[in-house]
């Protein structure tokens, strides 16, 4: 299963205290669920309530509270490889 996650797409979620340039914090919970379904994305959140909403197909409950640790946790959990273009 981990290899199929390498092409995963995520709607950044406000519950993850990531820089504001990476997510919109004005989404309502129902909007997040709809976006994840329409765009075939996995919800990343620290909110158990969000993941318990009817209709959530793919989601991950992030345990870490520190943004740098959240990033590492998600990369490790989904076995993602970073593709950072050189400048």
N, C-alpha and C. Protein backbone atom coordinates (compact mmCIF):
# COMPACT_ATOMS: atom_id res chain seq x y z
N UNK A 1 0.82 -1.19 0.00
CA UNK A 1 0.00 0.00 0.00
C UNK A 1 0.86 1.26 0.00
N UNK A 2 2.01 1.21 0.64
CA UNK A 2 2.83 2.41 0.74
C UNK A 2 3.25 2.93 -0.63
N UNK A 3 3.60 2.07 -1.57
CA UNK A 3 4.04 2.53 -2.88
C UNK A 3 2.95 3.26 -3.64
N UNK A 4 1.68 2.85 -3.47
CA UNK A 4 0.62 3.54 -4.18
C UNK A 4 0.37 4.93 -3.62
N UNK A 5 0.89 5.24 -2.44
CA UNK A 5 0.74 6.56 -1.85
C UNK A 5 1.71 7.57 -2.43
N UNK A 6 2.69 7.14 -3.18
CA UNK A 6 3.71 8.05 -3.69
C UNK A 6 3.14 9.14 -4.59
N UNK A 7 2.01 8.88 -5.23
CA UNK A 7 1.37 9.88 -6.07
C UNK A 7 0.15 10.48 -5.40
N UNK A 8 0.09 10.38 -4.08
CA UNK A 8 -1.05 10.88 -3.33
C UNK A 8 -1.15 12.39 -3.42
N UNK A 9 -2.38 12.88 -3.32
CA UNK A 9 -2.64 14.31 -3.33
C UNK A 9 -3.39 14.66 -2.05
N UNK A 10 -3.03 15.79 -1.45
CA UNK A 10 -3.60 16.16 -0.17
C UNK A 10 -4.13 17.59 -0.19
N UNK A 11 -5.36 17.82 0.33
CA UNK A 11 -5.77 19.20 0.55
C UNK A 11 -5.21 19.60 1.92
N UNK A 12 -4.30 20.54 1.97
CA UNK A 12 -3.73 20.95 3.26
C UNK A 12 -4.84 21.44 4.16
N UNK A 13 -4.77 21.12 5.40
CA UNK A 13 -5.85 21.41 6.34
C UNK A 13 -5.39 22.38 7.41
N UNK A 14 -6.31 23.23 7.81
CA UNK A 14 -6.00 24.25 8.81
C UNK A 14 -5.60 23.65 10.15
N UNK A 15 -6.07 22.46 10.48
CA UNK A 15 -5.72 21.85 11.76
C UNK A 15 -4.23 21.52 11.84
N UNK A 16 -3.58 21.44 10.70
CA UNK A 16 -2.13 21.29 10.67
C UNK A 16 -1.59 22.71 10.59
N UNK A 17 -0.81 23.11 11.54
CA UNK A 17 -0.37 24.50 11.59
C UNK A 17 0.73 24.76 10.57
N UNK A 18 0.41 24.56 9.30
CA UNK A 18 1.36 24.80 8.23
C UNK A 18 1.30 26.26 7.83
N UNK A 19 2.31 26.72 7.13
CA UNK A 19 2.32 28.11 6.67
C UNK A 19 1.06 28.40 5.87
N UNK A 20 0.54 29.61 6.01
CA UNK A 20 -0.74 29.95 5.38
C UNK A 20 -0.67 29.89 3.87
N UNK A 21 0.49 29.93 3.29
CA UNK A 21 0.58 29.84 1.84
C UNK A 21 0.27 28.43 1.32
N UNK A 22 0.22 27.46 2.20
CA UNK A 22 -0.01 26.08 1.78
C UNK A 22 -1.46 25.64 1.88
N UNK A 23 -2.29 26.40 2.55
CA UNK A 23 -3.68 25.99 2.70
C UNK A 23 -4.59 27.20 2.88
N UNK A 24 -5.86 26.99 2.64
CA UNK A 24 -6.88 27.99 2.97
C UNK A 24 -7.51 27.57 4.27
N UNK A 25 -7.58 28.47 5.23
CA UNK A 25 -8.13 28.11 6.53
C UNK A 25 -9.62 28.42 6.65
N UNK A 26 -10.23 28.91 5.57
CA UNK A 26 -11.64 29.28 5.65
C UNK A 26 -12.58 28.18 5.17
N UNK A 27 -12.07 27.00 4.87
CA UNK A 27 -12.92 25.89 4.45
C UNK A 27 -13.76 25.41 5.63
N UNK A 28 -15.02 25.09 5.35
CA UNK A 28 -15.86 24.43 6.34
C UNK A 28 -15.60 22.93 6.21
N UNK A 29 -15.92 22.19 7.26
CA UNK A 29 -15.65 20.75 7.25
C UNK A 29 -16.31 20.05 6.06
N UNK A 30 -17.56 20.39 5.77
CA UNK A 30 -18.24 19.76 4.63
C UNK A 30 -17.55 20.09 3.31
N UNK A 31 -17.00 21.31 3.21
CA UNK A 31 -16.27 21.70 1.99
C UNK A 31 -15.01 20.85 1.83
N UNK A 32 -14.34 20.58 2.94
CA UNK A 32 -13.11 19.77 2.89
C UNK A 32 -13.44 18.35 2.42
N UNK A 33 -14.51 17.78 2.97
CA UNK A 33 -14.92 16.43 2.57
C UNK A 33 -15.28 16.41 1.09
N UNK A 34 -16.06 17.38 0.63
CA UNK A 34 -16.44 17.44 -0.78
C UNK A 34 -15.22 17.59 -1.68
N UNK A 35 -14.31 18.48 -1.31
CA UNK A 35 -13.09 18.68 -2.10
C UNK A 35 -12.28 17.39 -2.18
N UNK A 36 -12.18 16.68 -1.06
CA UNK A 36 -11.41 15.43 -1.07
C UNK A 36 -12.03 14.39 -1.99
N UNK A 37 -13.36 14.36 -2.06
CA UNK A 37 -14.04 13.40 -2.94
C UNK A 37 -13.92 13.80 -4.40
N UNK A 38 -14.19 15.06 -4.71
CA UNK A 38 -14.17 15.54 -6.09
C UNK A 38 -12.77 15.45 -6.69
N UNK A 39 -11.75 15.80 -5.89
CA UNK A 39 -10.38 15.83 -6.39
C UNK A 39 -9.57 14.59 -6.02
N UNK A 40 -10.24 13.58 -5.46
CA UNK A 40 -9.58 12.33 -5.11
C UNK A 40 -8.37 12.57 -4.20
N UNK A 41 -8.61 13.30 -3.10
CA UNK A 41 -7.53 13.67 -2.18
C UNK A 41 -7.73 13.04 -0.81
N UNK A 42 -6.64 12.97 -0.07
CA UNK A 42 -6.65 12.46 1.29
C UNK A 42 -6.67 13.65 2.25
N UNK A 43 -7.53 13.58 3.26
CA UNK A 43 -7.62 14.65 4.24
C UNK A 43 -6.56 14.43 5.32
N UNK A 44 -5.74 15.44 5.55
CA UNK A 44 -4.77 15.44 6.64
C UNK A 44 -5.29 16.39 7.70
N UNK A 45 -5.44 15.91 8.92
CA UNK A 45 -6.01 16.75 9.97
C UNK A 45 -5.58 16.27 11.34
N UNK A 46 -5.74 17.15 12.32
CA UNK A 46 -5.55 16.77 13.71
C UNK A 46 -6.91 16.62 14.39
N UNK A 47 -7.98 16.77 13.62
CA UNK A 47 -9.34 16.73 14.15
C UNK A 47 -9.99 15.36 13.91
N UNK A 48 -10.20 14.63 15.00
CA UNK A 48 -10.91 13.34 14.89
C UNK A 48 -12.33 13.57 14.36
N UNK A 49 -12.93 14.69 14.76
CA UNK A 49 -14.30 15.00 14.32
C UNK A 49 -14.39 15.09 12.80
N UNK A 50 -13.41 15.71 12.18
CA UNK A 50 -13.42 15.85 10.72
C UNK A 50 -13.39 14.48 10.05
N UNK A 51 -12.56 13.59 10.55
CA UNK A 51 -12.44 12.27 9.93
C UNK A 51 -13.66 11.38 10.18
N UNK A 52 -14.48 11.75 11.17
CA UNK A 52 -15.67 10.94 11.47
C UNK A 52 -16.90 11.38 10.68
N UNK A 53 -16.77 12.44 9.87
CA UNK A 53 -17.90 12.92 9.07
C UNK A 53 -18.24 11.89 7.99
N UNK A 54 -19.54 11.64 7.83
CA UNK A 54 -20.00 10.72 6.80
C UNK A 54 -19.52 11.21 5.44
N UNK A 55 -18.98 10.32 4.66
CA UNK A 55 -18.50 10.67 3.33
C UNK A 55 -16.99 10.72 3.22
N UNK A 56 -16.30 10.78 4.35
CA UNK A 56 -14.83 10.78 4.30
C UNK A 56 -14.37 9.41 3.85
N UNK A 57 -13.62 9.38 2.75
CA UNK A 57 -13.14 8.11 2.19
C UNK A 57 -11.70 7.86 2.61
N UNK A 58 -10.87 8.89 2.50
CA UNK A 58 -9.45 8.76 2.84
C UNK A 58 -9.06 9.91 3.76
N UNK A 59 -8.46 9.57 4.88
CA UNK A 59 -8.00 10.60 5.80
C UNK A 59 -6.90 10.06 6.69
N UNK A 60 -6.14 10.98 7.24
CA UNK A 60 -5.07 10.60 8.16
C UNK A 60 -5.07 11.57 9.33
N UNK A 61 -5.10 11.03 10.53
CA UNK A 61 -5.05 11.83 11.75
C UNK A 61 -3.59 12.07 12.12
N UNK A 62 -3.16 13.30 11.97
CA UNK A 62 -1.78 13.68 12.27
C UNK A 62 -1.64 13.81 13.78
N UNK A 63 -0.62 13.16 14.33
CA UNK A 63 -0.43 13.15 15.78
C UNK A 63 0.44 14.30 16.29
N UNK A 64 1.44 14.67 15.53
CA UNK A 64 2.39 15.70 15.97
C UNK A 64 1.74 17.08 15.97
N UNK A 65 2.20 17.97 16.86
CA UNK A 65 1.68 19.34 16.91
C UNK A 65 2.65 20.35 16.30
N UNK A 66 3.92 20.01 16.28
CA UNK A 66 4.94 20.89 15.70
C UNK A 66 4.92 20.75 14.17
N UNK A 67 4.82 21.87 13.43
CA UNK A 67 4.72 21.79 11.97
C UNK A 67 5.85 20.99 11.30
N UNK A 68 7.08 21.16 11.75
CA UNK A 68 8.19 20.41 11.14
C UNK A 68 8.02 18.91 11.40
N UNK A 69 7.57 18.56 12.60
CA UNK A 69 7.35 17.15 12.94
C UNK A 69 6.14 16.60 12.19
N UNK A 70 5.11 17.43 11.98
CA UNK A 70 3.96 17.01 11.19
C UNK A 70 4.40 16.65 9.78
N UNK A 71 5.23 17.49 9.21
CA UNK A 71 5.73 17.25 7.86
C UNK A 71 6.45 15.91 7.79
N UNK A 72 7.36 15.67 8.73
CA UNK A 72 8.09 14.40 8.76
C UNK A 72 7.14 13.22 8.94
N UNK A 73 6.16 13.38 9.84
CA UNK A 73 5.21 12.30 10.10
C UNK A 73 4.44 11.92 8.84
N UNK A 74 3.95 12.91 8.11
CA UNK A 74 3.18 12.64 6.89
C UNK A 74 4.06 12.01 5.82
N UNK A 75 5.26 12.54 5.63
CA UNK A 75 6.19 11.98 4.64
C UNK A 75 6.48 10.52 4.97
N UNK A 76 6.75 10.24 6.24
CA UNK A 76 7.06 8.86 6.65
C UNK A 76 5.84 7.94 6.56
N UNK A 77 4.70 8.41 7.03
CA UNK A 77 3.51 7.56 7.04
C UNK A 77 3.12 7.12 5.63
N UNK A 78 3.17 8.04 4.68
CA UNK A 78 2.76 7.73 3.32
C UNK A 78 3.92 7.30 2.43
N UNK A 79 5.10 7.16 3.02
CA UNK A 79 6.29 6.73 2.29
C UNK A 79 6.50 7.60 1.04
N UNK A 80 6.39 8.91 1.24
CA UNK A 80 6.50 9.85 0.13
C UNK A 80 7.96 10.20 -0.13
N UNK A 81 8.24 10.49 -1.36
CA UNK A 81 9.57 10.95 -1.76
C UNK A 81 9.43 12.40 -2.19
N UNK A 82 10.31 13.25 -1.69
CA UNK A 82 10.27 14.67 -2.05
C UNK A 82 10.91 14.88 -3.41
N UNK A 83 10.26 15.66 -4.23
CA UNK A 83 10.79 16.02 -5.54
C UNK A 83 10.92 17.53 -5.55
N UNK A 84 12.05 18.02 -5.09
CA UNK A 84 12.29 19.45 -4.99
C UNK A 84 13.16 19.87 -6.16
N UNK A 85 12.61 20.73 -7.05
CA UNK A 85 13.40 21.16 -8.21
C UNK A 85 14.61 21.99 -7.78
N UNK A 86 15.71 21.79 -8.47
CA UNK A 86 16.91 22.58 -8.16
C UNK A 86 16.77 23.96 -8.79
N UNK A 87 17.41 24.94 -8.19
CA UNK A 87 17.32 26.31 -8.71
C UNK A 87 18.50 26.67 -9.56
